[in-house]
Amino acid sequence: MKKIKYYTSLWNYIYHDEPQSLEEVVAQVRNEGFGVELWPYFFSLKPYRPTLQTRPISIKRGFNDLFDITYREQLQDLFSGVETSWHSRGTGEKPLKISTFQEHAQQIDTAAAIGSSIISVHDIGYTLTNTQVTNNVTVANQVVEYATTRGITLALETGSFEACLKATNKYQV
């Protein structure tokens, strides 16, 4: 019989003030046998204060990004033995938070470095989004190919059914 693996999304911690550090949150989640969906943006790790990049307070204060290479070693240690997935930097906002191959590659490299296998995305550049897929998907092709070589699956989140069909036809999902 197949077992379902449950993940706790760090997105949930955006909506309450967590007294624990990220390390303590991860230990608690690990002890319960859950995996973790990481959200990249945060104000602090002790105490853990994640944020959404589109909130006015985030724009005003500035925030840190777990996808940044400076956090990779810390994340490798912290999430050792914990199943993880990621939510991408972008959430479909316009203009897009990330739109270049290099920006997507940094996300993919960080996810691969800590042993994650999935990044949930709302868009891969301007030509493949959760609501449309255009005929010119050069950047998206590069990103999908690179993710595949790194062992990362890109999950197109909250897409329109038509856009998802067009994306799967282009990428042999």
C-alpha atoms as a PDB file:
ATOM      1  CA  MET A   1       0.000   0.000   0.000  1.00  0.00           C
ATOM      2  CA  LYS A   2       1.298   3.455  -0.901  1.00  0.00           C
ATOM      3  CA  LYS A   3       1.767   5.934   1.884  1.00  0.00           C
ATOM      4  CA  ILE A   4       1.050   9.622   1.557  1.00  0.00           C
ATOM      5  CA  LYS A   5       3.879  11.934   2.594  1.00  0.00           C
ATOM      6  CA  TYR A   6       2.629  15.108   4.231  1.00  0.00           C
ATOM      7  CA  TYR A   7       4.550  18.356   4.086  1.00  0.00           C
ATOM      8  CA  THR A   8       4.219  21.421   6.285  1.00  0.00           C
ATOM      9  CA  SER A   9       4.446  24.609   4.259  1.00  0.00           C
ATOM     10  CA  LEU A  10       6.495  27.417   5.758  1.00  0.00           C
ATOM     11  CA  TRP A  11       3.932  29.690   4.080  1.00  0.00           C
ATOM     12  CA  ASN A  12       1.698  28.986   7.091  1.00  0.00           C
ATOM     13  CA  TYR A  13       4.150  30.778   9.363  1.00  0.00           C
ATOM     14  CA  ILE A  14       3.615  34.039   7.484  1.00  0.00           C
ATOM     15  CA  TYR A  15       0.292  34.462   9.244  1.00  0.00           C
ATOM     16  CA  HIS A  16       1.358  34.252  12.890  1.00  0.00           C
ATOM     17  CA  ASP A  17       4.337  35.331  14.935  1.00  0.00           C
ATOM     18  CA  GLU A  18       6.345  32.193  15.537  1.00  0.00           C
ATOM     19  CA  PRO A  19       8.393  32.357  18.761  1.00  0.00           C
ATOM     20  CA  GLN A  20      10.732  29.595  17.547  1.00  0.00           C
ATOM     21  CA  SER A  21      13.702  29.824  15.215  1.00  0.00           C
ATOM     22  CA  LEU A  22      13.631  28.166  11.802  1.00  0.00           C
ATOM     23  CA  GLU A  23      15.835  25.406  13.262  1.00  0.00           C
ATOM     24  CA  GLU A  24      13.266  24.750  16.006  1.00  0.00           C
ATOM     25  CA  VAL A  25      10.377  24.802  13.530  1.00  0.00           C
ATOM     26  CA  VAL A  26      12.168  22.276  11.302  1.00  0.00           C
ATOM     27  CA  ALA A  27      13.001  20.045  14.291  1.00  0.00           C
ATOM     28  CA  GLN A  28       9.342  20.064  15.352  1.00  0.00           C
ATOM     29  CA  VAL A  29       8.174  19.217  11.833  1.00  0.00           C
ATOM     30  CA  ARG A  30      10.859  16.525  11.447  1.00  0.00           C
ATOM     31  CA  ASN A  31       9.867  14.927  14.786  1.00  0.00           C
ATOM     32  CA  GLU A  32       6.290  14.584  13.540  1.00  0.00           C
ATOM     33  CA  GLY A  33       7.494  12.896  10.333  1.00  0.00           C
ATOM     34  CA  PHE A  34       6.476  15.662   7.946  1.00  0.00           C
ATOM     35  CA  GLY A  35       8.397  17.052   5.025  1.00  0.00           C
ATOM     36  CA  VAL A  36       8.774  20.812   4.530  1.00  0.00           C
ATOM     37  CA  GLU A  37       7.765  23.118   1.696  1.00  0.00           C
ATOM     38  CA  LEU A  38      10.164  26.038   1.860  1.00  0.00           C
ATOM     39  CA  TRP A  39       9.137  29.579   1.000  1.00  0.00           C
ATOM     40  CA  PRO A  40      12.129  31.708   0.116  1.00  0.00           C
ATOM     41  CA  TYR A  41      11.541  35.109   1.704  1.00  0.00           C
ATOM     42  CA  PHE A  42      12.028  36.017   5.344  1.00  0.00           C
ATOM     43  CA  PHE A  43      12.806  38.871   7.717  1.00  0.00           C
ATOM     44  CA  SER A  44      14.645  36.752  10.301  1.00  0.00           C
ATOM     45  CA  LEU A  45      15.490  33.129  11.106  1.00  0.00           C
ATOM     46  CA  LYS A  46      15.631  33.638  14.912  1.00  0.00           C
ATOM     47  CA  PRO A  47      12.754  34.010  15.563  1.00  0.00           C
ATOM     48  CA  TYR A  48      11.499  32.697  12.256  1.00  0.00           C
ATOM     49  CA  ARG A  49       9.654  35.439  10.368  1.00  0.00           C
ATOM     50  CA  PRO A  50       8.858  34.548   6.758  1.00  0.00           C
ATOM     51  CA  THR A  51       7.212  37.082   4.481  1.00  0.00           C
ATOM     52  CA  LEU A  52       5.546  37.514   1.118  1.00  0.00           C
ATOM     53  CA  GLN A  53       7.498  39.714  -1.257  1.00  0.00           C
ATOM     54  CA  THR A  54       4.365  41.523  -2.415  1.00  0.00           C
ATOM     55  CA  ARG A  55       3.338  42.846   1.009  1.00  0.00           C
ATOM     56  CA  PRO A  56       3.892  46.579   1.538  1.00  0.00           C
ATOM     57  CA  ILE A  57       5.830  45.937   4.775  1.00  0.00           C
ATOM     58  CA  SER A  58       8.147  43.562   2.919  1.00  0.00           C
ATOM     59  CA  ILE A  59       8.793  46.081   0.186  1.00  0.00           C
ATOM     60  CA  LYS A  60       9.424  48.811   2.766  1.00  0.00           C
ATOM     61  CA  ARG A  61      11.659  46.776   5.131  1.00  0.00           C
ATOM     62  CA  GLY A  62      13.401  44.549   2.625  1.00  0.00           C
ATOM     63  CA  PHE A  63      13.825  40.822   3.146  1.00  0.00           C
ATOM     64  CA  ASN A  64      16.232  37.920   2.727  1.00  0.00           C
ATOM     65  CA  ASP A  65      16.014  35.057   0.234  1.00  0.00           C
ATOM     66  CA  LEU A  66      16.703  31.397   1.117  1.00  0.00           C
ATOM     67  CA  PHE A  67      17.467  30.656  -2.546  1.00  0.00           C
ATOM     68  CA  ASP A  68      20.543  32.883  -2.252  1.00  0.00           C
ATOM     69  CA  ILE A  69      23.776  30.899  -2.432  1.00  0.00           C
ATOM     70  CA  THR A  70      24.889  32.268   0.952  1.00  0.00           C
ATOM     71  CA  TYR A  71      22.250  30.087   2.691  1.00  0.00           C
ATOM     72  CA  ARG A  72      22.968  26.790   0.903  1.00  0.00           C
ATOM     73  CA  GLU A  73      25.356  25.277   3.426  1.00  0.00           C
ATOM     74  CA  GLN A  74      23.102  26.240   6.333  1.00  0.00           C
ATOM     75  CA  LEU A  75      20.085  24.751   4.539  1.00  0.00           C
ATOM     76  CA  GLN A  76      21.974  21.537   3.752  1.00  0.00           C
ATOM     77  CA  ASP A  77      22.689  21.074   7.456  1.00  0.00           C
ATOM     78  CA  LEU A  78      19.242  22.150   8.619  1.00  0.00           C
ATOM     79  CA  PHE A  79      17.279  19.952   6.220  1.00  0.00           C
ATOM     80  CA  SER A  80      19.513  16.882   6.293  1.00  0.00           C
ATOM     81  CA  GLY A  81      17.174  13.889   6.494  1.00  0.00           C
ATOM     82  CA  VAL A  82      14.051  16.005   5.902  1.00  0.00           C
ATOM     83  CA  GLU A  83      12.093  15.696   2.669  1.00  0.00           C
ATOM     84  CA  THR A  84      11.708  19.115   1.114  1.00  0.00           C
ATOM     85  CA  SER A  85      10.062  20.933  -1.738  1.00  0.00           C
ATOM     86  CA  TRP A  86      10.142  24.626  -2.594  1.00  0.00           C
ATOM     87  CA  HIS A  87       7.798  27.363  -3.601  1.00  0.00           C
ATOM     88  CA  SER A  88       9.453  29.567  -6.202  1.00  0.00           C
ATOM     89  CA  ARG A  89      10.277  33.203  -5.686  1.00  0.00           C
ATOM     90  CA  GLY A  90       7.438  34.319  -7.918  1.00  0.00           C
ATOM     91  CA  THR A  91       3.736  34.052  -7.202  1.00  0.00           C
ATOM     92  CA  GLY A  92       2.435  35.245 -10.552  1.00  0.00           C
ATOM     93  CA  GLU A  93       2.766  38.951  -9.746  1.00  0.00           C
ATOM     94  CA  LYS A  94       3.352  41.452 -12.534  1.00  0.00           C
ATOM     95  CA  PRO A  95       6.030  42.381 -13.246  1.00  0.00           C
ATOM     96  CA  LEU A  96       7.402  38.919 -12.628  1.00  0.00           C
ATOM     97  CA  LYS A  97       9.723  38.488  -9.647  1.00  0.00           C
ATOM     98  CA  ILE A  98      12.052  36.344 -11.756  1.00  0.00           C
ATOM     99  CA  SER A  99      12.081  36.057 -15.520  1.00  0.00           C
ATOM    100  CA  THR A 100      15.589  35.062 -16.627  1.00  0.00           C
ATOM    101  CA  PHE A 101      17.253  31.695 -17.005  1.00  0.00           C
ATOM    102  CA  GLN A 102      19.923  32.675 -14.456  1.00  0.00           C
ATOM    103  CA  GLU A 103      17.332  33.535 -11.798  1.00  0.00           C
ATOM    104  CA  HIS A 104      15.556  30.211 -12.301  1.00  0.00           C
ATOM    105  CA  ALA A 105      18.880  28.334 -12.351  1.00  0.00           C
ATOM    106  CA  GLN A 106      19.767  29.755  -8.933  1.00  0.00           C
ATOM    107  CA  GLN A 107      16.502  28.389  -7.518  1.00  0.00           C
ATOM    108  CA  ILE A 108      17.113  25.012  -9.161  1.00  0.00           C
ATOM    109  CA  ASP A 109      20.702  24.841  -7.894  1.00  0.00           C
ATOM    110  CA  THR A 110      19.671  25.631  -4.317  1.00  0.00           C
ATOM    111  CA  ALA A 111      16.860  23.070  -4.378  1.00  0.00           C
ATOM    112  CA  ALA A 112      19.204  20.415  -5.773  1.00  0.00           C
ATOM    113  CA  ALA A 113      21.914  21.281  -3.230  1.00  0.00           C
ATOM    114  CA  ILE A 114      19.652  20.447  -0.292  1.00  0.00           C
ATOM    115  CA  GLY A 115      18.115  17.363  -1.890  1.00  0.00           C
ATOM    116  CA  SER A 116      14.744  18.784  -2.906  1.00  0.00           C
ATOM    117  CA  SER A 117      13.117  17.406  -6.024  1.00  0.00           C
ATOM    118  CA  ILE A 118      10.225  19.820  -6.646  1.00  0.00           C
ATOM    119  CA  ILE A 119       9.834  23.564  -7.079  1.00  0.00           C
ATOM    120  CA  SER A 120       6.280  24.845  -7.372  1.00  0.00           C
ATOM    121  CA  VAL A 121       6.217  27.680  -9.918  1.00  0.00           C
ATOM    122  CA  HIS A 122       3.574  30.099 -11.154  1.00  0.00           C
ATOM    123  CA  ASP A 123       5.605  31.082 -14.194  1.00  0.00           C
ATOM    124  CA  ILE A 124       8.798  30.292 -16.078  1.00  0.00           C
ATOM    125  CA  GLY A 125       9.489  33.631 -17.677  1.00  0.00           C
ATOM    126  CA  TYR A 126       6.819  35.670 -19.398  1.00  0.00           C
ATOM    127  CA  THR A 127       5.992  33.011 -21.979  1.00  0.00           C
ATOM    128  CA  LEU A 128       4.934  30.137 -19.707  1.00  0.00           C
ATOM    129  CA  THR A 129       2.737  31.198 -16.821  1.00  0.00           C
ATOM    130  CA  ASN A 130      -0.072  29.662 -14.840  1.00  0.00           C
ATOM    131  CA  THR A 131      -2.573  31.300 -17.186  1.00  0.00           C
ATOM    132  CA  GLN A 132      -0.909  31.173 -20.623  1.00  0.00           C
ATOM    133  CA  VAL A 133       1.704  29.446 -22.740  1.00  0.00           C
ATOM    134  CA  THR A 134       2.899  31.354 -25.792  1.00  0.00           C
ATOM    135  CA  ASN A 135       4.573  29.895 -28.858  1.00  0.00           C
ATOM    136  CA  ASN A 136       7.985  31.404 -28.004  1.00  0.00           C
ATOM    137  CA  VAL A 137       9.121  29.487 -24.925  1.00  0.00           C
ATOM    138  CA  THR A 138      12.896  29.759 -25.333  1.00  0.00           C
ATOM    139  CA  VAL A 139      13.638  30.680 -21.698  1.00  0.00           C
ATOM    140  CA  ALA A 140      11.118  28.153 -20.426  1.00  0.00           C
ATOM    141  CA  ASN A 141      12.733  25.438 -22.570  1.00  0.00           C
ATOM    142  CA  GLN A 142      16.153  26.246 -21.113  1.00  0.00           C
ATOM    143  CA  VAL A 143      14.815  26.282 -17.555  1.00  0.00           C
ATOM    144  CA  VAL A 144      12.913  22.999 -17.908  1.00  0.00           C
ATOM    145  CA  GLU A 145      15.908  21.310 -19.529  1.00  0.00           C
ATOM    146  CA  TYR A 146      18.242  22.567 -16.800  1.00  0.00           C
ATOM    147  CA  ALA A 147      15.845  21.493 -14.038  1.00  0.00           C
ATOM    148  CA  THR A 148      15.680  18.027 -15.583  1.00  0.00           C
ATOM    149  CA  THR A 149      19.481  17.703 -15.608  1.00  0.00           C
ATOM    150  CA  ARG A 150      19.556  18.702 -11.923  1.00  0.00           C
ATOM    151  CA  GLY A 151      16.809  16.228 -10.951  1.00  0.00           C
ATOM    152  CA  ILE A 152      14.247  18.926 -10.200  1.00  0.00           C
ATOM    153  CA  THR A 153      10.589  18.783 -11.207  1.00  0.00           C
ATOM    154  CA  LEU A 154       8.907  22.127 -11.858  1.00  0.00           C
ATOM    155  CA  ALA A 155       5.263  21.964 -10.778  1.00  0.00           C
ATOM    156  CA  LEU A 156       3.080  24.569 -12.512  1.00  0.00           C
ATOM    157  CA  GLU A 157       0.835  25.771  -9.703  1.00  0.00           C
ATOM    158  CA  THR A 158      -2.722  27.075  -9.994  1.00  0.00           C
ATOM    159  CA  GLY A 159      -2.650  26.973 -13.759  1.00  0.00           C
ATOM    160  CA  SER A 160      -5.594  27.249 -16.079  1.00  0.00           C
ATOM    161  CA  PHE A 161      -6.399  23.839 -17.502  1.00  0.00           C
ATOM    162  CA  GLU A 162      -5.743  25.022 -21.067  1.00  0.00           C
ATOM    163  CA  ALA A 163      -2.322  26.439 -20.138  1.00  0.00           C
ATOM    164  CA  CYS A 164      -1.412  23.225 -18.321  1.00  0.00           C
ATOM    165  CA  LEU A 165      -2.409  21.141 -21.356  1.00  0.00           C
ATOM    166  CA  LYS A 166      -0.331  23.325 -23.667  1.00  0.00           C
ATOM    167  CA  ALA A 167       2.647  23.140 -21.284  1.00  0.00           C
ATOM    168  CA  THR A 168       2.432  19.350 -21.015  1.00  0.00           C
ATOM    169  CA  ASN A 169       2.212  19.038 -24.800  1.00  0.00           C
ATOM    170  CA  LYS A 170       5.417  21.080 -25.125  1.00  0.00           C
ATOM    171  CA  TYR A 171       7.343  19.250 -22.403  1.00  0.00           C
ATOM    172  CA  GLN A 172       6.250  15.610 -22.613  1.00  0.00           C
ATOM    173  CA  VAL A 173       5.229  15.468 -18.955  1.00  0.00           C
END
